[in-house]
Structures are given as C-alpha cells and as structure tokens.
C-alpha cells in the first residue's frame, strides 16, 4: 500500500495520541488493501520479522500447536472467522495452512477493489478475484466482498470529462452505477456481504463527510447511489458501510450521523463494518462496545472487518508523516520488551474477543491478514518488526491465539 493510503487509515489508532484525531496525518483504509480497507495490499514481512516461529510467540512453553482448535469451529456459534488475503499470499505454504484450518470467511485484501477490477468503463479484469473465489469455494469458505467504492482505489476513468459540462455529473453517476451493477452481478451468489462504501467519514470536526472526489461531485448522494445500485444487482447480499476509527468517540459520532442520514432516506444499509486497526493499549473495550451499541440501536449488523493489534503504542503523530519521525523504537525478537509487548497484545485480543462474544449483533470477525509472515504493519508507518496477528511467522498459534480460545490460559 502507498504511504498516503497507510497514513489515511492508521493515523487515529497507533500512536500515543490514539484517542485523539491526528489531523496532520490525513484520513481514511480497509486500507486496507484498508484498511485497509478499507483496503490495501498486505506487505510481505521484512527481514526483521522473518524470524523463527518463536520470534513472534511470547513464550517457549505455549501449548502444543497440534492441539489448537480451529477458530472457525471454536467460534461457529458466535460469528464467522475471517482473514484478509489475496491469491498470491494464499498460495504461501504458511498462510495456506492457517487459512484453510481456521477461516470460515475470506476478504480479498485488494483484488476485489475497483482498481484493479475496473480496467476502463465497461471493461473488467476479474482474474485474481475469481481465483480467490475458486479457492474459497473449493474449501467451503465464504467470501466477504471488499470494496465497491473507496476513494483511494477509484480509477481515474470514473471522473474523466469536462467537469463544467452540463452532463458531467450524470455521466459519472452512470459509470458508477454500471460498475457496481456489473461487479455485484458477477459475484452474485459468491459473496455473502459487500463493503459498499469504504471510509466516507471525515477524520476531523470540519464536517461529517470525507472531502473525496466523490463527495465533491455528489455531496452525500454518492453513498445512496452506490448502495441502491448494489441492492438492485443483488437483493439478498448483505450491504455494509465500512470505516476505521469507530472506536474514537468523536469520529463515531460523525460516522453514525452519516448512517442516520442514509437510513432516513431509506438507503438499504444492512450493517456497519468496524475496521479495528488497534494496538495493545488502545482502545478501551468501552469504546468498541459503544460502536457496537450504536449499530444495534439502529437494528444494524456489526462486522469487525480488518482487525489487527500492533505491538507499538507510543508512536508520535509525526511517525505518520513522510518521512516518518518520532516512531517508537523497533522491538527485537527474543528480548524482554518484545515478550512483554506480545503479552500485552494477547490481553488486548482476549478483551476484544470477549466483547465480540457478548454482542449477538457481531456476525463476522475478520483479521487483516493471516499470520505474521505477511502484514502491512511490517512497513507502516515505518519499516520495523511488527507481529500483529494471532499466528506467528511460521503459522503457529501465539499467546494471543491461546488467550482468545482458552479462558484459563495465562499470557
């Protein structure tokens, strides 16, 4: 993912000032691939994080990996267990073994976004996305679609033309509606949910909406246009609006104001996607609970869409600048500080999964990655060892894994 994409999705959640808006770093990610997000592609781990399996496990006395229950089975009565991956990484031996054992849901990190699918108006490249669908179908795994409209991955052809021409707005709308109709139709019956609009919320108090090119052309209407096109193309798929920072009280307020506006218009939103790119000390459980309750009071489904737990908790706001400065010093595998960080991470994962299980509205929990051998946090906001997932670089369950499946386990 590009530095700008990364900055856009992570500024709220990884630094010492995580509880406040880091306006200097910009907004937006499912970026992944996203948020993230979001979307963004995950990066292969740097050499500093390509250590042995013990390097991303907090204790040499962890339970035998062979005794680890499949997450998809362990949580089957509560919610789907998802993992974000693209076809290339899914073929990796470590990733593939973890994915097939533990995941009941797959999210495409990048290959189901408008870039790369939308080559030009009416021309599509489904090759990589279809590969992921085939992998999922072959192994009995469901697919969560991500994402139909995200400002970071909207190809330039959507906006081509004379912006002052009387028919410009109608032309752009037609392109968007055609794109969503065609893509949702292509995947109809193959995905159970779509992130229809990703990261529409402003990161500061200047307004509720991100000032994206879509917003500049249509105002809030672009969200309604996207959702109505998706619903017309597939009447049964679940439709979500997805964002990061819902654990931040101020941003949650802006986000839910957008949702309320859309619901008042009768826009077919089925649920809220909470990215939850967090760290081992932020956010408090109460903040995430408040985000879930906000959806529940509106009779909406909750999905956790891009969960990872960074080891780093004291990055300054300037760490998200280019070049990054003021970043927390990198952990070194095998040190006491590193082990302490993994222990704190395990406790945060436990707290979050306990919360997820308390809310029947939470129907899917997706990790933004599979194992620590491939994570976008290896290079963002700076290149350093970061092991944010439940499985180590060799695919073995970490302390965090055991913390979420075994109430008696002490990290």
Protein backbone atom coordinates (compact mmCIF):
# COMPACT_ATOMS: atom_id res chain seq x y z
CA UNK A 1 0.00 0.00 0.00
CA UNK A 2 1.19 3.52 -0.65
CA UNK A 3 2.37 5.78 2.15
CA UNK A 4 -0.63 8.03 1.60
CA UNK A 5 -3.06 5.14 1.81
CA UNK A 6 -1.40 3.95 5.01
CA UNK A 7 -1.46 7.40 6.55
CA UNK A 8 -5.07 7.75 5.61
CA UNK A 9 -6.15 4.72 7.57
CA UNK A 10 -3.84 4.49 10.55
CA UNK A 11 -3.38 7.94 11.99
CA UNK A 12 -6.16 7.52 14.53
CA UNK A 13 -5.13 4.27 16.08
CA UNK A 14 -1.45 3.55 16.51
CA UNK A 15 0.20 6.46 18.26
CA UNK A 16 0.44 7.78 21.76
CA UNK A 17 -2.31 10.22 20.85
CA UNK A 18 -4.52 7.42 19.58
CA UNK A 19 -7.51 8.70 21.48
CA UNK A 20 -7.47 11.93 19.53
CA UNK A 21 -7.54 12.82 15.87
CA UNK A 22 -4.14 13.16 14.28
CA UNK A 23 -5.27 15.67 11.70
CA UNK A 24 -1.78 16.25 10.37
CA UNK A 25 -1.72 12.68 9.08
CA UNK A 26 -4.83 12.82 6.92
CA UNK A 27 -7.72 10.42 6.95
CA UNK A 28 -9.01 7.05 5.60
CA UNK A 29 -8.18 2.41 4.94
CA UNK A 30 -9.55 -1.02 4.74
CA UNK A 31 -6.88 0.11 3.87
CA UNK A 32 -6.58 -1.69 3.90
CA UNK A 33 -6.00 -3.28 0.68
CA UNK A 34 -7.53 -0.64 4.48
CA UNK A 35 -7.80 -0.89 5.77
CA UNK A 36 -7.19 -1.33 4.70
CA UNK A 37 -9.53 -1.00 3.80
CA UNK A 38 -10.53 -0.44 3.87
CA UNK A 39 -8.35 -1.69 1.60
CA UNK A 40 -4.78 -2.10 0.69
CA UNK A 41 -2.50 -4.92 -0.10
CA UNK A 42 -0.56 -6.50 2.72
CA UNK A 43 3.18 -6.33 2.55
CA UNK A 44 5.39 -9.34 3.00
CA UNK A 45 7.20 -9.23 6.27
CA UNK A 46 10.52 -7.50 6.23
CA UNK A 47 13.65 -9.45 7.05
CA UNK A 48 13.44 -8.22 10.62
CA UNK A 49 10.14 -10.05 11.09
CA UNK A 50 11.02 -13.19 9.13
CA UNK A 51 12.40 -14.82 12.21
CA UNK A 52 11.71 -18.28 13.55
CA UNK A 53 8.34 -19.20 14.94
CA UNK A 54 9.50 -18.45 18.45
CA UNK A 55 10.20 -14.86 17.43
CA UNK A 56 6.53 -13.94 17.38
CA UNK A 57 5.39 -16.13 20.24
CA UNK A 58 5.65 -14.74 23.74
CA UNK A 59 6.63 -17.97 25.44
CA UNK A 60 8.53 -21.15 24.64
CA UNK A 61 6.04 -23.01 26.85
CA UNK A 62 2.95 -22.34 24.76
CA UNK A 63 0.61 -25.30 24.28
CA UNK A 64 1.40 -27.77 21.52
CA UNK A 65 0.28 -26.17 18.20
CA UNK A 66 -1.24 -29.52 17.22
CA UNK A 67 -3.80 -29.10 19.99
CA UNK A 68 -5.01 -25.73 18.71
CA UNK A 69 -8.73 -25.74 17.90
CA UNK A 70 -9.82 -24.38 14.54
CA UNK A 71 -11.03 -20.83 15.13
CA UNK A 72 -13.91 -21.29 12.69
CA UNK A 73 -15.15 -24.20 14.78
CA UNK A 74 -14.45 -22.65 18.16
CA UNK A 75 -16.47 -19.53 17.37
CA UNK A 76 -19.01 -21.10 15.00
CA UNK A 77 -21.95 -20.45 17.31
CA UNK A 78 -21.00 -16.77 17.63
CA UNK A 79 -19.59 -15.39 14.37
CA UNK A 80 -17.64 -16.16 11.23
CA UNK A 81 -13.87 -16.01 11.48
CA UNK A 82 -12.41 -14.14 8.54
CA UNK A 83 -8.93 -13.50 7.21
CA UNK A 84 -7.85 -11.00 4.57
CA UNK A 85 -5.68 -12.39 1.81
CA UNK A 86 -5.03 -12.17 -1.91
CA UNK A 87 -4.36 -15.15 -4.21
CA UNK A 88 -0.57 -14.81 -4.25
CA UNK A 89 -0.22 -14.84 -0.48
CA UNK A 90 -2.88 -17.53 -0.14
CA UNK A 91 -0.55 -19.87 -2.04
CA UNK A 92 2.22 -19.38 0.53
CA UNK A 93 2.64 -22.62 2.47
CA UNK A 94 2.42 -21.00 5.92
CA UNK A 95 -0.51 -18.78 5.01
CA UNK A 96 -2.43 -21.53 3.22
CA UNK A 97 -2.28 -23.98 6.12
CA UNK A 98 -3.54 -21.40 8.63
CA UNK A 99 -6.20 -20.08 6.28
CA UNK A 100 -7.70 -23.46 5.44
CA UNK A 101 -7.78 -24.67 9.04
CA UNK A 102 -9.09 -21.56 10.73
CA UNK A 103 -11.06 -19.31 8.36
CA UNK A 104 -14.76 -19.58 7.62
CA UNK A 105 -14.64 -16.30 5.68
CA UNK A 106 -12.13 -14.66 3.33
CA UNK A 107 -11.85 -10.98 2.46
CA UNK A 108 -9.86 -10.00 -0.60
CA UNK A 109 -7.22 -7.57 0.58
CA UNK A 110 -7.01 -5.80 -2.77
CA UNK A 111 -8.17 -7.82 -5.77
CA UNK A 112 -11.89 -7.03 -5.46
CA UNK A 113 -11.46 -3.26 -5.42
CA UNK A 114 -12.33 -1.03 -8.37
CA UNK A 115 -8.62 -0.83 -9.03
CA UNK A 116 -7.71 -3.47 -10.30
CA UNK A 117 -11.12 -4.81 -11.42
CA UNK A 118 -12.28 -1.72 -13.33
CA UNK A 119 -9.87 -1.51 -16.27
CA UNK A 120 -12.00 1.10 -18.05
CA UNK A 121 -15.69 1.86 -18.43
CA UNK A 122 -17.39 -1.48 -19.04
CA UNK A 123 -14.10 -3.41 -19.16
CA UNK A 124 -13.25 -5.65 -16.22
CA UNK A 125 -10.40 -7.86 -15.04
CA UNK A 126 -11.81 -10.47 -12.68
CA UNK A 127 -8.89 -12.89 -12.97
CA UNK A 128 -7.37 -12.54 -9.49
CA UNK A 129 -10.69 -12.07 -7.76
CA UNK A 130 -12.08 -15.19 -9.42
CA UNK A 131 -9.01 -17.13 -8.28
CA UNK A 132 -9.79 -16.19 -4.70
CA UNK A 133 -13.44 -17.14 -5.15
CA UNK A 134 -12.39 -20.55 -6.50
CA UNK A 135 -10.06 -21.10 -3.55
CA UNK A 136 -12.85 -20.25 -1.16
CA UNK A 137 -15.48 -22.38 -2.86
CA UNK A 138 -13.13 -25.36 -3.14
CA UNK A 139 -12.52 -25.26 0.60
CA UNK A 140 -16.00 -24.38 1.83
CA UNK A 141 -15.07 -20.85 2.87
CA UNK A 142 -17.42 -17.89 2.42
CA UNK A 143 -16.28 -14.63 0.82
CA UNK A 144 -16.79 -11.10 2.07
CA UNK A 145 -16.63 -8.54 -0.79
CA UNK A 146 -14.33 -5.55 -0.28
CA UNK A 147 -14.86 -2.85 -1.50
CA UNK A 148 -17.11 -1.44 -4.21
CA UNK A 149 -16.41 2.25 -3.65
CA UNK A 150 -13.32 3.54 -1.90
CA UNK A 151 -11.87 6.91 -2.80
CA UNK A 152 -8.31 5.57 -2.69
CA UNK A 153 -8.93 2.92 -5.34
CA UNK A 154 -11.38 4.66 -7.68
CA UNK A 155 -9.81 4.59 -11.17
CA UNK A 156 -9.37 7.92 -12.94
CA UNK A 157 -11.72 6.90 -15.75
CA UNK A 158 -14.68 7.30 -13.40
CA UNK A 159 -14.02 11.06 -13.41
CA UNK A 160 -12.90 11.69 -16.98
CA UNK A 161 -14.55 14.51 -18.91
CA UNK A 162 -15.22 18.22 -18.74
CA UNK A 163 -16.24 18.88 -15.15
CA UNK A 164 -18.03 22.07 -16.23
CA UNK A 165 -20.19 20.35 -18.86
CA UNK A 166 -23.93 20.15 -18.02
CA UNK A 167 -23.99 16.36 -18.33
CA UNK A 168 -20.79 15.62 -16.42
CA UNK A 169 -22.41 14.66 -13.13
CA UNK A 170 -24.91 12.35 -14.85
CA UNK A 171 -22.09 10.70 -16.80
CA UNK A 172 -20.05 9.97 -13.67
CA UNK A 173 -23.15 8.66 -11.91
CA UNK A 174 -23.88 6.31 -14.81
CA UNK A 175 -20.32 5.00 -14.72
CA UNK A 176 -20.56 4.31 -11.01
CA UNK A 177 -23.96 2.62 -11.26
CA UNK A 178 -22.83 0.50 -14.20
CA UNK A 179 -19.63 -0.53 -12.45
CA UNK A 180 -21.40 -1.56 -9.25
CA UNK A 181 -24.19 -3.31 -11.13
CA UNK A 182 -21.76 -5.32 -13.25
CA UNK A 183 -19.41 -6.26 -10.43
CA UNK A 184 -22.11 -7.22 -7.94
CA UNK A 185 -23.84 -9.24 -10.66
CA UNK A 186 -20.58 -11.03 -11.49
CA UNK A 187 -20.16 -12.11 -7.87
CA UNK A 188 -23.84 -12.69 -7.12
CA UNK A 189 -24.25 -15.84 -5.07
CA UNK A 190 -20.48 -16.00 -4.44
CA UNK A 191 -20.17 -13.42 -1.65
CA UNK A 192 -22.31 -13.09 1.46
CA UNK A 193 -21.61 -9.40 2.13
CA UNK A 194 -20.15 -6.31 0.45
CA UNK A 195 -18.41 -3.28 1.85
CA UNK A 196 -20.28 -0.96 -0.49
CA UNK A 197 -18.74 2.33 0.64
CA UNK A 198 -15.43 2.42 2.48
CA UNK A 199 -14.12 5.28 4.62
CA UNK A 200 -16.59 8.04 3.84
CA UNK A 201 -16.16 9.76 7.21
CA UNK A 202 -14.06 12.83 7.91
CA UNK A 203 -11.22 12.49 10.40
CA UNK A 204 -11.74 15.97 11.82
CA UNK A 205 -14.57 18.11 13.08
CA UNK A 206 -14.76 20.22 9.93
CA UNK A 207 -17.67 18.07 8.75
CA UNK A 208 -19.08 14.57 8.76
CA UNK A 209 -18.03 13.56 5.25
CA UNK A 210 -14.56 12.96 3.85
CA UNK A 211 -13.91 15.55 1.16
CA UNK A 212 -13.21 12.94 -1.51
CA UNK A 213 -13.68 13.43 -5.23
CA UNK A 214 -16.95 11.54 -4.94
CA UNK A 215 -18.19 13.94 -2.28
CA UNK A 216 -17.03 16.97 -4.26
CA UNK A 217 -19.16 15.87 -7.21
CA UNK A 218 -22.25 14.45 -5.49
CA UNK A 219 -22.21 15.54 -1.88
CA UNK A 220 -23.63 12.76 0.35
CA UNK A 221 -25.67 11.38 -2.55
CA UNK A 222 -22.87 9.16 -3.85
CA UNK A 223 -23.34 6.85 -0.86
CA UNK A 224 -27.02 6.40 -1.64
CA UNK A 225 -26.28 5.88 -5.33
CA UNK A 226 -23.78 3.12 -4.54
CA UNK A 227 -26.00 1.26 -2.08
CA UNK A 228 -29.08 1.38 -4.29
CA UNK A 229 -27.12 0.06 -7.27
CA UNK A 230 -25.71 -2.79 -5.18
CA UNK A 231 -29.13 -3.73 -3.81
CA UNK A 232 -30.71 -3.70 -7.27
CA UNK A 233 -27.97 -6.03 -8.55
CA UNK A 234 -28.26 -8.50 -5.66
CA UNK A 235 -31.38 -8.34 -3.48
CA UNK A 236 -30.04 -10.81 -0.88
CA UNK A 237 -26.37 -9.94 -0.27
CA UNK A 238 -25.67 -8.01 2.94
CA UNK A 239 -24.57 -4.42 2.35
CA UNK A 240 -22.17 -2.62 4.71
CA UNK A 241 -20.72 0.81 5.18
CA UNK A 242 -17.16 0.34 6.46
CA UNK A 243 -14.79 2.68 8.26
CA UNK A 244 -11.84 2.86 10.61
CA UNK A 245 -11.77 4.80 13.86
CA UNK A 246 -15.27 3.85 15.00
CA UNK A 247 -13.64 3.26 18.39
CA UNK A 248 -12.92 7.01 18.54
CA UNK A 249 -15.90 8.71 20.16
CA UNK A 250 -15.82 11.84 18.02
CA UNK A 251 -15.39 10.01 14.74
CA UNK A 252 -18.09 7.51 15.69
CA UNK A 253 -20.46 10.44 16.10
CA UNK A 254 -19.71 11.72 12.61
CA UNK A 255 -19.93 8.24 11.13
CA UNK A 256 -23.30 7.49 12.69
CA UNK A 257 -24.62 10.88 11.57
CA UNK A 258 -23.88 9.75 8.01
CA UNK A 259 -25.57 6.42 8.66
CA UNK A 260 -28.62 8.16 10.12
CA UNK A 261 -28.90 10.41 7.08
CA UNK A 262 -28.82 7.40 4.78
CA UNK A 263 -31.27 5.36 6.84
CA UNK A 264 -33.69 8.30 6.88
CA UNK A 265 -33.58 8.22 3.07
CA UNK A 266 -34.36 4.52 3.04
CA UNK A 267 -30.90 3.55 1.82
CA UNK A 268 -30.51 -0.25 2.11
CA UNK A 269 -27.70 -0.47 4.67
CA UNK A 270 -27.66 -3.82 6.47
CA UNK A 271 -24.69 -3.32 8.71
CA UNK A 272 -21.67 -1.45 9.99
CA UNK A 273 -18.10 -2.51 9.31
CA UNK A 274 -15.62 -1.65 12.06
CA UNK A 275 -12.05 -1.98 10.83
CA UNK A 276 -10.42 -2.06 14.29
CA UNK A 277 -6.78 -1.47 13.43
CA UNK A 278 -5.79 -1.10 17.07
CA UNK A 279 -2.82 -1.62 19.38
CA UNK A 280 -2.20 -3.41 22.63
CA UNK A 281 -3.28 -0.47 24.83
CA UNK A 282 -5.83 1.35 22.66
CA UNK A 283 -8.79 1.45 22.53
CA UNK A 284 -10.55 0.70 25.78
CA UNK A 285 -13.16 -2.02 25.46
CA UNK A 286 -15.86 0.51 26.34
CA UNK A 287 -15.16 2.48 23.17
CA UNK A 288 -15.62 -0.55 20.92
CA UNK A 289 -18.72 -1.54 22.83
CA UNK A 290 -20.17 1.92 22.22
CA UNK A 291 -19.61 1.48 18.49
CA UNK A 292 -21.42 -1.86 18.52
CA UNK A 293 -24.30 -0.44 20.51
CA UNK A 294 -24.62 2.46 18.07
CA UNK A 295 -25.28 -0.05 15.31
CA UNK A 296 -27.57 -2.18 17.45
CA UNK A 297 -29.82 0.73 18.37
CA UNK A 298 -30.39 1.18 14.64
CA UNK A 299 -31.09 -2.55 14.12
CA UNK A 300 -27.91 -2.98 12.10
CA UNK A 301 -25.48 -5.90 11.95
CA UNK A 302 -21.92 -5.47 13.24
CA UNK A 303 -18.90 -6.86 11.39
CA UNK A 304 -15.31 -6.47 12.56
CA UNK A 305 -13.63 -6.16 9.19
CA UNK A 306 -9.87 -5.54 9.48
CA UNK A 307 -8.68 -6.48 12.96
CA UNK A 308 -5.02 -6.39 13.87
CA UNK A 309 -3.27 -5.43 17.11
CA UNK A 310 0.00 -3.55 16.68
CA UNK A 311 2.76 -4.02 19.23
CA UNK A 312 3.56 -0.29 19.10
CA UNK A 313 1.76 2.09 21.43
CA UNK A 314 3.82 5.29 21.64
CA UNK A 315 4.32 6.47 18.05
CA UNK A 316 4.03 10.25 17.81
CA UNK A 317 1.87 11.97 15.23
CA UNK A 318 4.96 12.72 13.14
CA UNK A 319 5.52 8.99 12.73
CA UNK A 320 2.74 9.15 10.13
CA UNK A 321 4.47 11.88 8.15
CA UNK A 322 6.76 11.33 5.18
CA UNK A 323 9.45 10.64 6.10
CA UNK A 324 8.30 9.26 9.45
CA UNK A 325 9.91 10.66 12.59
CA UNK A 326 9.17 10.13 16.26
CA UNK A 327 8.31 6.46 15.82
CA UNK A 328 8.65 4.07 18.72
CA UNK A 329 11.91 2.13 18.54
CA UNK A 330 11.61 -1.28 16.90
CA UNK A 331 11.25 -4.31 19.10
CA UNK A 332 13.89 -7.00 18.88
CA UNK A 333 12.66 -10.57 18.92
CA UNK A 334 13.73 -12.55 21.96
CA UNK A 335 14.08 -9.56 24.28
CA UNK A 336 12.11 -8.98 27.46
CA UNK A 337 10.49 -5.89 25.94
CA UNK A 338 9.31 -7.91 22.96
CA UNK A 339 7.87 -10.64 25.17
CA UNK A 340 6.10 -8.02 27.28
CA UNK A 341 4.62 -6.50 24.13
CA UNK A 342 3.29 -9.87 22.98
CA UNK A 343 1.79 -10.44 26.41
CA UNK A 344 0.00 -7.09 26.29
CA UNK A 345 -1.20 -7.90 22.77
CA UNK A 346 -2.63 -11.21 23.96
CA UNK A 347 -4.57 -9.49 26.72
CA UNK A 348 -5.98 -6.94 24.26
CA UNK A 349 -7.06 -9.70 21.87
CA UNK A 350 -8.72 -11.53 24.76
CA UNK A 351 -10.57 -8.42 25.85
CA UNK A 352 -11.79 -7.76 22.31
CA UNK A 353 -12.91 -11.32 21.63
CA UNK A 354 -14.72 -11.42 24.94
CA UNK A 355 -16.57 -8.29 23.85
CA UNK A 356 -17.34 -9.71 20.41
CA UNK A 357 -18.92 -12.75 22.03
CA UNK A 358 -21.09 -10.60 24.28
CA UNK A 359 -22.80 -8.99 21.28
CA UNK A 360 -25.09 -11.18 19.20
CA UNK A 361 -25.05 -8.41 16.57
CA UNK A 362 -21.42 -9.28 15.76
CA UNK A 363 -21.75 -11.80 12.95
CA UNK A 364 -18.25 -11.76 11.44
CA UNK A 365 -14.76 -11.04 12.78
CA UNK A 366 -12.04 -10.68 10.13
CA UNK A 367 -8.32 -10.34 10.80
CA UNK A 368 -6.40 -8.10 8.39
CA UNK A 369 -4.02 -10.82 7.35
CA UNK A 370 -3.48 -14.46 8.20
CA UNK A 371 -0.16 -14.82 10.02
CA UNK A 372 2.77 -12.61 10.98
CA UNK A 373 4.75 -13.71 7.92
CA UNK A 374 2.74 -11.17 5.89
CA UNK A 375 1.36 -7.97 7.36
CA UNK A 376 1.16 -4.40 6.11
CA UNK A 377 2.40 -3.26 9.51
CA UNK A 378 5.88 -4.55 8.67
CA UNK A 379 6.37 -1.41 6.61
CA UNK A 380 3.87 1.08 8.01
CA UNK A 381 4.24 3.65 9.42
CA UNK A 382 7.91 2.67 9.21
CA UNK A 383 9.81 -0.50 8.42
CA UNK A 384 10.25 -2.49 11.62
CA UNK A 385 9.33 -5.79 13.22
CA UNK A 386 5.61 -5.86 13.96
CA UNK A 387 3.68 -9.05 14.66
CA UNK A 388 0.00 -8.00 14.93
CA UNK A 389 -1.88 -11.24 14.21
CA UNK A 390 -2.85 -14.43 16.04
CA UNK A 391 -0.32 -16.67 14.31
CA UNK A 392 3.46 -16.28 14.22
CA UNK A 393 5.75 -16.14 11.20
CA UNK A 394 5.75 -19.92 10.98
CA UNK A 395 1.97 -20.15 11.28
CA UNK A 396 1.94 -21.38 14.85
CA UNK A 397 -0.59 -20.07 17.39
CA UNK A 398 0.76 -17.23 19.52
CA UNK A 399 -0.09 -16.22 23.06
CA UNK A 400 -2.83 -14.05 21.55
CA UNK A 401 -4.43 -17.10 19.94
CA UNK A 402 -4.46 -19.08 23.16
CA UNK A 403 -5.77 -16.06 25.05
CA UNK A 404 -8.89 -15.94 22.87
CA UNK A 405 -9.66 -19.67 22.82
CA UNK A 406 -8.73 -20.67 26.38
CA UNK A 407 -10.04 -18.67 29.30
CA UNK A 408 -7.60 -20.47 31.61
CA UNK A 409 -4.53 -19.57 29.60
CA UNK A 410 -2.20 -17.02 31.20
CA UNK A 411 -0.24 -14.99 28.62
